[in-house]
Amino acid sequence: MDVINLADAKAHLSELVDRVEAGDSIDISRRGKPVARLTAVAGPRKPIDVAQLRSLTAAMSPQSRSAADLVRSMRDADRY
């Protein structure tokens, strides 16, 4: 993470935004003390397609035992 003073940040804001967009994080300082941080904004989340999720789960074969029993058997098998 880079630290840049406020005057330089004002002069090179466009360049700093490009760097942040590329993945960098930049602290801005005033009189040697950090006062702000430039970081990238998280991208929008993709909505869940409920119909596709239902068709996927419907296509899965039913399990013969519960998840708890499966985890217990895996745990017990690794003990010995």
PDB file of N, CA and C in Angstrom:
ATOM      1  N   MET A   1       0.847  -1.169   0.000  1.00  0.00           N
ATOM      2  CA  MET A   1       0.000   0.000   0.000  1.00  0.00           C
ATOM      3  C   MET A   1       0.893   1.232   0.000  1.00  0.00           C
ATOM      4  N   ASP A   2       0.620   2.132  -0.903  1.00  0.00           N
ATOM      5  CA  ASP A   2       1.398   3.357  -1.019  1.00  0.00           C
ATOM      6  C   ASP A   2       0.761   4.470  -0.196  1.00  0.00           C
ATOM      7  N   VAL A   3       1.607   5.407   0.233  1.00  0.00           N
ATOM      8  CA  VAL A   3       1.138   6.598   0.939  1.00  0.00           C
ATOM      9  C   VAL A   3       1.518   7.800   0.095  1.00  0.00           C
ATOM     10  N   ILE A   4       0.558   8.696  -0.111  1.00  0.00           N
ATOM     11  CA  ILE A   4       0.799   9.885  -0.928  1.00  0.00           C
ATOM     12  C   ILE A   4       0.215  11.087  -0.190  1.00  0.00           C
ATOM     13  N   ASN A   5       0.887  12.237  -0.293  1.00  0.00           N
ATOM     14  CA  ASN A   5       0.355  13.405   0.416  1.00  0.00           C
ATOM     15  C   ASN A   5      -0.809  14.009  -0.366  1.00  0.00           C
ATOM     16  N   LEU A   6      -1.598  14.788   0.330  1.00  0.00           N
ATOM     17  CA  LEU A   6      -2.833  15.327  -0.217  1.00  0.00           C
ATOM     18  C   LEU A   6      -2.609  16.170  -1.469  1.00  0.00           C
ATOM     19  N   ALA A   7      -1.575  17.003  -1.471  1.00  0.00           N
ATOM     20  CA  ALA A   7      -1.309  17.864  -2.630  1.00  0.00           C
ATOM     21  C   ALA A   7      -1.015  17.021  -3.872  1.00  0.00           C
ATOM     22  N   ASP A   8      -0.204  15.966  -3.717  1.00  0.00           N
ATOM     23  CA  ASP A   8       0.099  15.097  -4.856  1.00  0.00           C
ATOM     24  C   ASP A   8      -1.145  14.317  -5.297  1.00  0.00           C
ATOM     25  N   ALA A   9      -1.976  13.923  -4.337  1.00  0.00           N
ATOM     26  CA  ALA A   9      -3.203  13.206  -4.677  1.00  0.00           C
ATOM     27  C   ALA A   9      -4.131  14.085  -5.505  1.00  0.00           C
ATOM     28  N   LYS A  10      -4.233  15.349  -5.130  1.00  0.00           N
ATOM     29  CA  LYS A  10      -5.078  16.267  -5.895  1.00  0.00           C
ATOM     30  C   LYS A  10      -4.535  16.454  -7.310  1.00  0.00           C
ATOM     31  N   ALA A  11      -3.218  16.506  -7.435  1.00  0.00           N
ATOM     32  CA  ALA A  11      -2.605  16.740  -8.742  1.00  0.00           C
ATOM     33  C   ALA A  11      -2.678  15.511  -9.649  1.00  0.00           C
ATOM     34  N   HIS A  12      -2.732  14.317  -9.057  1.00  0.00           N
ATOM     35  CA  HIS A  12      -2.668  13.080  -9.846  1.00  0.00           C
ATOM     36  C   HIS A  12      -3.853  12.153  -9.571  1.00  0.00           C
ATOM     37  N   LEU A  13      -5.004  12.714  -9.300  1.00  0.00           N
ATOM     38  CA  LEU A  13      -6.165  11.908  -8.920  1.00  0.00           C
ATOM     39  C   LEU A  13      -6.541  10.889  -9.986  1.00  0.00           C
ATOM     40  N   SER A  14      -6.536  11.272 -11.238  1.00  0.00           N
ATOM     41  CA  SER A  14      -6.919  10.360 -12.310  1.00  0.00           C
ATOM     42  C   SER A  14      -5.984   9.153 -12.355  1.00  0.00           C
ATOM     43  N   GLU A  15      -4.689   9.392 -12.215  1.00  0.00           N
ATOM     44  CA  GLU A  15      -3.707   8.299 -12.201  1.00  0.00           C
ATOM     45  C   GLU A  15      -3.916   7.396 -10.980  1.00  0.00           C
ATOM     46  N   LEU A  16      -4.215   7.991  -9.839  1.00  0.00           N
ATOM     47  CA  LEU A  16      -4.453   7.206  -8.622  1.00  0.00           C
ATOM     48  C   LEU A  16      -5.685   6.329  -8.763  1.00  0.00           C
ATOM     49  N   VAL A  17      -6.726   6.869  -9.364  1.00  0.00           N
ATOM     50  CA  VAL A  17      -7.948   6.084  -9.577  1.00  0.00           C
ATOM     51  C   VAL A  17      -7.664   4.910 -10.505  1.00  0.00           C
ATOM     52  N   ASP A  18      -6.845   5.119 -11.521  1.00  0.00           N
ATOM     53  CA  ASP A  18      -6.471   4.012 -12.418  1.00  0.00           C
ATOM     54  C   ASP A  18      -5.724   2.925 -11.647  1.00  0.00           C
ATOM     55  N   ARG A  19      -4.825   3.315 -10.763  1.00  0.00           N
ATOM     56  CA  ARG A  19      -4.066   2.339  -9.970  1.00  0.00           C
ATOM     57  C   ARG A  19      -4.981   1.574  -9.022  1.00  0.00           C
ATOM     58  N   VAL A  20      -5.912   2.275  -8.398  1.00  0.00           N
ATOM     59  CA  VAL A  20      -6.854   1.622  -7.489  1.00  0.00           C
ATOM     60  C   VAL A  20      -7.734   0.655  -8.252  1.00  0.00           C
ATOM     61  N   GLU A  21      -8.165   1.056  -9.422  1.00  0.00           N
ATOM     62  CA  GLU A  21      -8.993   0.195 -10.264  1.00  0.00           C
ATOM     63  C   GLU A  21      -8.243  -1.085 -10.647  1.00  0.00           C
ATOM     64  N   ALA A  22      -6.921  -0.988 -10.751  1.00  0.00           N
ATOM     65  CA  ALA A  22      -6.089  -2.137 -11.089  1.00  0.00           C
ATOM     66  C   ALA A  22      -5.794  -3.019  -9.885  1.00  0.00           C
ATOM     67  N   GLY A  23      -6.219  -2.588  -8.678  1.00  0.00           N
ATOM     68  CA  GLY A  23      -6.049  -3.434  -7.506  1.00  0.00           C
ATOM     69  C   GLY A  23      -5.225  -2.844  -6.386  1.00  0.00           C
ATOM     70  N   ASP A  24      -4.596  -1.720  -6.589  1.00  0.00           N
ATOM     71  CA  ASP A  24      -3.804  -1.091  -5.524  1.00  0.00           C
ATOM     72  C   ASP A  24      -4.704  -0.450  -4.480  1.00  0.00           C
ATOM     73  N   SER A  25      -4.142  -0.186  -3.335  1.00  0.00           N
ATOM     74  CA  SER A  25      -4.810   0.573  -2.287  1.00  0.00           C
ATOM     75  C   SER A  25      -3.855   1.693  -1.892  1.00  0.00           C
ATOM     76  N   ILE A  26      -4.356   2.903  -1.780  1.00  0.00           N
ATOM     77  CA  ILE A  26      -3.492   4.063  -1.563  1.00  0.00           C
ATOM     78  C   ILE A  26      -3.996   4.862  -0.374  1.00  0.00           C
ATOM     79  N   ASP A  27      -3.094   5.161   0.568  1.00  0.00           N
ATOM     80  CA  ASP A  27      -3.410   6.028   1.693  1.00  0.00           C
ATOM     81  C   ASP A  27      -3.045   7.459   1.333  1.00  0.00           C
ATOM     82  N   ILE A  28      -3.899   8.395   1.730  1.00  0.00           N
ATOM     83  CA  ILE A  28      -3.642   9.816   1.517  1.00  0.00           C
ATOM     84  C   ILE A  28      -3.354  10.433   2.873  1.00  0.00           C
ATOM     85  N   SER A  29      -2.252  11.192   2.939  1.00  0.00           N
ATOM     86  CA  SER A  29      -1.856  11.781   4.219  1.00  0.00           C
ATOM     87  C   SER A  29      -1.886  13.301   4.146  1.00  0.00           C
ATOM     88  N   ARG A  30      -2.090  13.904   5.305  1.00  0.00           N
ATOM     89  CA  ARG A  30      -2.032  15.357   5.455  1.00  0.00           C
ATOM     90  C   ARG A  30      -1.060  15.636   6.598  1.00  0.00           C
ATOM     91  N   ARG A  31      -0.016  16.373   6.291  1.00  0.00           N
ATOM     92  CA  ARG A  31       1.034  16.683   7.268  1.00  0.00           C
ATOM     93  C   ARG A  31       1.623  15.414   7.893  1.00  0.00           C
ATOM     94  N   GLY A  32       1.771  14.382   7.056  1.00  0.00           N
ATOM     95  CA  GLY A  32       2.414  13.155   7.507  1.00  0.00           C
ATOM     96  C   GLY A  32       1.509  12.153   8.200  1.00  0.00           C
ATOM     97  N   LYS A  33       0.246  12.501   8.431  1.00  0.00           N
ATOM     98  CA  LYS A  33      -0.685  11.589   9.101  1.00  0.00           C
ATOM     99  C   LYS A  33      -1.719  11.080   8.098  1.00  0.00           C
ATOM    100  N   PRO A  34      -1.955   9.765   8.074  1.00  0.00           N
ATOM    101  CA  PRO A  34      -2.948   9.234   7.139  1.00  0.00           C
ATOM    102  C   PRO A  34      -4.348   9.727   7.484  1.00  0.00           C
ATOM    103  N   VAL A  35      -5.071  10.198   6.464  1.00  0.00           N
ATOM    104  CA  VAL A  35      -6.427  10.720   6.692  1.00  0.00           C
ATOM    105  C   VAL A  35      -7.483  10.045   5.821  1.00  0.00           C
ATOM    106  N   ALA A  36      -7.066   9.371   4.753  1.00  0.00           N
ATOM    107  CA  ALA A  36      -8.034   8.729   3.858  1.00  0.00           C
ATOM    108  C   ALA A  36      -7.363   7.570   3.149  1.00  0.00           C
ATOM    109  N   ARG A  37      -8.208   6.664   2.627  1.00  0.00           N
ATOM    110  CA  ARG A  37      -7.696   5.513   1.879  1.00  0.00           C
ATOM    111  C   ARG A  37      -8.528   5.341   0.608  1.00  0.00           C
ATOM    112  N   LEU A  38      -7.834   5.195  -0.513  1.00  0.00           N
ATOM    113  CA  LEU A  38      -8.501   4.910  -1.785  1.00  0.00           C
ATOM    114  C   LEU A  38      -8.434   3.402  -2.014  1.00  0.00           C
ATOM    115  N   THR A  39      -9.589   2.780  -2.161  1.00  0.00           N
ATOM    116  CA  THR A  39      -9.674   1.356  -2.474  1.00  0.00           C
ATOM    117  C   THR A  39     -10.745   1.149  -3.533  1.00  0.00           C
ATOM    118  N   ALA A  40     -10.666   0.026  -4.212  1.00  0.00           N
ATOM    119  CA  ALA A  40     -11.639  -0.274  -5.259  1.00  0.00           C
ATOM    120  C   ALA A  40     -12.985  -0.643  -4.633  1.00  0.00           C
ATOM    121  N   VAL A  41     -14.034  -0.333  -5.347  1.00  0.00           N
ATOM    122  CA  VAL A  41     -15.391  -0.682  -4.929  1.00  0.00           C
ATOM    123  C   VAL A  41     -15.669  -2.115  -5.360  1.00  0.00           C
ATOM    124  N   ALA A  42     -16.303  -2.887  -4.496  1.00  0.00           N
ATOM    125  CA  ALA A  42     -16.662  -4.260  -4.851  1.00  0.00           C
ATOM    126  C   ALA A  42     -17.682  -4.232  -5.986  1.00  0.00           C
ATOM    127  N   GLY A  43     -17.499  -5.144  -6.925  1.00  0.00           N
ATOM    128  CA  GLY A  43     -18.398  -5.215  -8.073  1.00  0.00           C
ATOM    129  C   GLY A  43     -19.780  -5.692  -7.672  1.00  0.00           C
ATOM    130  N   PRO A  44     -20.768  -5.451  -8.518  1.00  0.00           N
ATOM    131  CA  PRO A  44     -22.133  -5.890  -8.185  1.00  0.00           C
ATOM    132  C   PRO A  44     -22.227  -7.413  -8.192  1.00  0.00           C
ATOM    133  N   ARG A  45     -23.041  -7.938  -7.285  1.00  0.00           N
ATOM    134  CA  ARG A  45     -23.232  -9.377  -7.204  1.00  0.00           C
ATOM    135  C   ARG A  45     -24.210  -9.828  -8.273  1.00  0.00           C
ATOM    136  N   LYS A  46     -23.959 -11.004  -8.804  1.00  0.00           N
ATOM    137  CA  LYS A  46     -24.808 -11.566  -9.839  1.00  0.00           C
ATOM    138  C   LYS A  46     -26.060 -12.153  -9.189  1.00  0.00           C
ATOM    139  N   PRO A  47     -27.238 -11.863  -9.710  1.00  0.00           N
ATOM    140  CA  PRO A  47     -28.456 -12.416  -9.115  1.00  0.00           C
ATOM    141  C   PRO A  47     -28.528 -13.930  -9.313  1.00  0.00           C
ATOM    142  N   ILE A  48     -29.173 -14.611  -8.383  1.00  0.00           N
ATOM    143  CA  ILE A  48     -29.328 -16.058  -8.449  1.00  0.00           C
ATOM    144  C   ILE A  48     -30.513 -16.390  -9.344  1.00  0.00           C
ATOM    145  N   ASP A  49     -30.302 -17.298 -10.279  1.00  0.00           N
ATOM    146  CA  ASP A  49     -31.368 -17.779 -11.153  1.00  0.00           C
ATOM    147  C   ASP A  49     -32.063 -18.929 -10.430  1.00  0.00           C
ATOM    148  N   VAL A  50     -33.200 -18.650  -9.813  1.00  0.00           N
ATOM    149  CA  VAL A  50     -33.899 -19.623  -8.978  1.00  0.00           C
ATOM    150  C   VAL A  50     -34.333 -20.839  -9.789  1.00  0.00           C
ATOM    151  N   ALA A  51     -34.798 -20.631 -11.004  1.00  0.00           N
ATOM    152  CA  ALA A  51     -35.244 -21.752 -11.841  1.00  0.00           C
ATOM    153  C   ALA A  51     -34.077 -22.689 -12.151  1.00  0.00           C
ATOM    154  N   GLN A  52     -32.920 -22.138 -12.442  1.00  0.00           N
ATOM    155  CA  GLN A  52     -31.753 -22.957 -12.728  1.00  0.00           C
ATOM    156  C   GLN A  52     -31.299 -23.705 -11.477  1.00  0.00           C
ATOM    157  N   LEU A  53     -31.350 -23.067 -10.323  1.00  0.00           N
ATOM    158  CA  LEU A  53     -30.988 -23.724  -9.068  1.00  0.00           C
ATOM    159  C   LEU A  53     -31.922 -24.878  -8.762  1.00  0.00           C
ATOM    160  N   ARG A  54     -33.215 -24.686  -8.978  1.00  0.00           N
ATOM    161  CA  ARG A  54     -34.187 -25.763  -8.741  1.00  0.00           C
ATOM    162  C   ARG A  54     -33.949 -26.940  -9.685  1.00  0.00           C
ATOM    163  N   SER A  55     -33.661 -26.665 -10.947  1.00  0.00           N
ATOM    164  CA  SER A  55     -33.420 -27.756 -11.895  1.00  0.00           C
ATOM    165  C   SER A  55     -32.143 -28.509 -11.539  1.00  0.00           C
ATOM    166  N   LEU A  56     -31.145 -27.810 -11.035  1.00  0.00           N
ATOM    167  CA  LEU A  56     -29.908 -28.465 -10.621  1.00  0.00           C
ATOM    168  C   LEU A  56     -30.142 -29.385  -9.428  1.00  0.00           C
ATOM    169  N   THR A  57     -30.843 -28.892  -8.423  1.00  0.00           N
ATOM    170  CA  THR A  57     -31.095 -29.722  -7.245  1.00  0.00           C
ATOM    171  C   THR A  57     -32.035 -30.877  -7.561  1.00  0.00           C
ATOM    172  N   ALA A  58     -32.947 -30.701  -8.490  1.00  0.00           N
ATOM    173  CA  ALA A  58     -33.843 -31.782  -8.873  1.00  0.00           C
ATOM    174  C   ALA A  58     -33.090 -32.890  -9.602  1.00  0.00           C
ATOM    175  N   ALA A  59     -32.020 -32.534 -10.306  1.00  0.00           N
ATOM    176  CA  ALA A  59     -31.237 -33.517 -11.051  1.00  0.00           C
ATOM    177  C   ALA A  59     -30.276 -34.298 -10.159  1.00  0.00           C
ATOM    178  N   MET A  60     -30.050 -33.843  -8.943  1.00  0.00           N
ATOM    179  CA  MET A  60     -29.123 -34.529  -8.030  1.00  0.00           C
ATOM    180  C   MET A  60     -29.786 -35.789  -7.470  1.00  0.00           C
ATOM    181  N   SER A  61     -29.001 -36.843  -7.343  1.00  0.00           N
ATOM    182  CA  SER A  61     -29.551 -38.079  -6.790  1.00  0.00           C
ATOM    183  C   SER A  61     -29.687 -37.949  -5.267  1.00  0.00           C
ATOM    184  N   PRO A  62     -30.728 -38.549  -4.692  1.00  0.00           N
ATOM    185  CA  PRO A  62     -30.897 -38.463  -3.241  1.00  0.00           C
ATOM    186  C   PRO A  62     -29.804 -39.256  -2.524  1.00  0.00           C
ATOM    187  N   GLN A  63     -29.382 -38.751  -1.381  1.00  0.00           N
ATOM    188  CA  GLN A  63     -28.328 -39.390  -0.607  1.00  0.00           C
ATOM    189  C   GLN A  63     -28.925 -40.430   0.330  1.00  0.00           C
ATOM    190  N   SER A  64     -28.187 -41.511   0.548  1.00  0.00           N
ATOM    191  CA  SER A  64     -28.698 -42.600   1.384  1.00  0.00           C
ATOM    192  C   SER A  64     -28.591 -42.294   2.871  1.00  0.00           C
ATOM    193  N   ARG A  65     -27.679 -41.406   3.252  1.00  0.00           N
ATOM    194  CA  ARG A  65     -27.567 -41.059   4.669  1.00  0.00           C
ATOM    195  C   ARG A  65     -27.415 -39.551   4.823  1.00  0.00           C
ATOM    196  N   SER A  66     -27.636 -39.094   6.035  1.00  0.00           N
ATOM    197  CA  SER A  66     -27.620 -37.650   6.281  1.00  0.00           C
ATOM    198  C   SER A  66     -26.185 -37.113   6.236  1.00  0.00           C
ATOM    199  N   ALA A  67     -26.076 -35.819   6.075  1.00  0.00           N
ATOM    200  CA  ALA A  67     -24.770 -35.179   6.042  1.00  0.00           C
ATOM    201  C   ALA A  67     -24.041 -35.358   7.376  1.00  0.00           C
ATOM    202  N   ALA A  68     -24.785 -35.313   8.473  1.00  0.00           N
ATOM    203  CA  ALA A  68     -24.176 -35.491   9.793  1.00  0.00           C
ATOM    204  C   ALA A  68     -23.553 -36.873   9.919  1.00  0.00           C
ATOM    205  N   ASP A  69     -24.258 -37.914   9.445  1.00  0.00           N
ATOM    206  CA  ASP A  69     -23.712 -39.267   9.495  1.00  0.00           C
ATOM    207  C   ASP A  69     -22.475 -39.400   8.616  1.00  0.00           C
ATOM    208  N   LEU A  70     -22.482 -38.765   7.452  1.00  0.00           N
ATOM    209  CA  LEU A  70     -21.337 -38.809   6.561  1.00  0.00           C
ATOM    210  C   LEU A  70     -20.116 -38.164   7.215  1.00  0.00           C
ATOM    211  N   VAL A  71     -20.306 -36.998   7.819  1.00  0.00           N
ATOM    212  CA  VAL A  71     -19.195 -36.303   8.464  1.00  0.00           C
ATOM    213  C   VAL A  71     -18.672 -37.116   9.642  1.00  0.00           C
ATOM    214  N   ARG A  72     -19.577 -37.704  10.432  1.00  0.00           N
ATOM    215  CA  ARG A  72     -19.146 -38.537  11.558  1.00  0.00           C
ATOM    216  C   ARG A  72     -18.298 -39.714  11.092  1.00  0.00           C
ATOM    217  N   SER A  73     -18.740 -40.382  10.008  1.00  0.00           N
ATOM    218  CA  SER A  73     -17.987 -41.540   9.522  1.00  0.00           C
ATOM    219  C   SER A  73     -16.616 -41.117   8.989  1.00  0.00           C
ATOM    220  N   MET A  74     -16.540 -39.968   8.323  1.00  0.00           N
ATOM    221  CA  MET A  74     -15.254 -39.472   7.834  1.00  0.00           C
ATOM    222  C   MET A  74     -14.342 -39.126   9.005  1.00  0.00           C
ATOM    223  N   ARG A  75     -14.885 -38.493  10.015  1.00  0.00           N
ATOM    224  CA  ARG A  75     -14.110 -38.120  11.188  1.00  0.00           C
ATOM    225  C   ARG A  75     -13.610 -39.356  11.921  1.00  0.00           C
ATOM    226  N   ASP A  76     -14.480 -40.336  12.109  1.00  0.00           N
ATOM    227  CA  ASP A  76     -14.115 -41.562  12.831  1.00  0.00           C
ATOM    228  C   ASP A  76     -13.075 -42.371  12.055  1.00  0.00           C
ATOM    229  N   ALA A  77     -13.162 -42.379  10.736  1.00  0.00           N
ATOM    230  CA  ALA A  77     -12.211 -43.126   9.921  1.00  0.00           C
ATOM    231  C   ALA A  77     -10.812 -42.530  10.000  1.00  0.00           C
ATOM    232  N   ASP A  78     -10.719 -41.216  10.189  1.00  0.00           N
ATOM    233  CA  ASP A  78      -9.401 -40.580  10.261  1.00  0.00           C
ATOM    234  C   ASP A  78      -8.763 -40.713  11.632  1.00  0.00           C
ATOM    235  N   ARG A  79      -9.505 -41.097  12.629  1.00  0.00           N
ATOM    236  CA  ARG A  79      -8.940 -41.210  13.979  1.00  0.00           C
ATOM    237  C   ARG A  79      -8.026 -42.407  14.107  1.00  0.00           C
ATOM    238  N   TYR A  80      -8.287 -43.464  13.368  1.00  0.00           N
ATOM    239  CA  TYR A  80      -7.537 -44.707  13.586  1.00  0.00           C
ATOM    240  C   TYR A  80      -6.750 -45.117  12.377  1.00  0.00           C
TER     241      TYR A  80
END
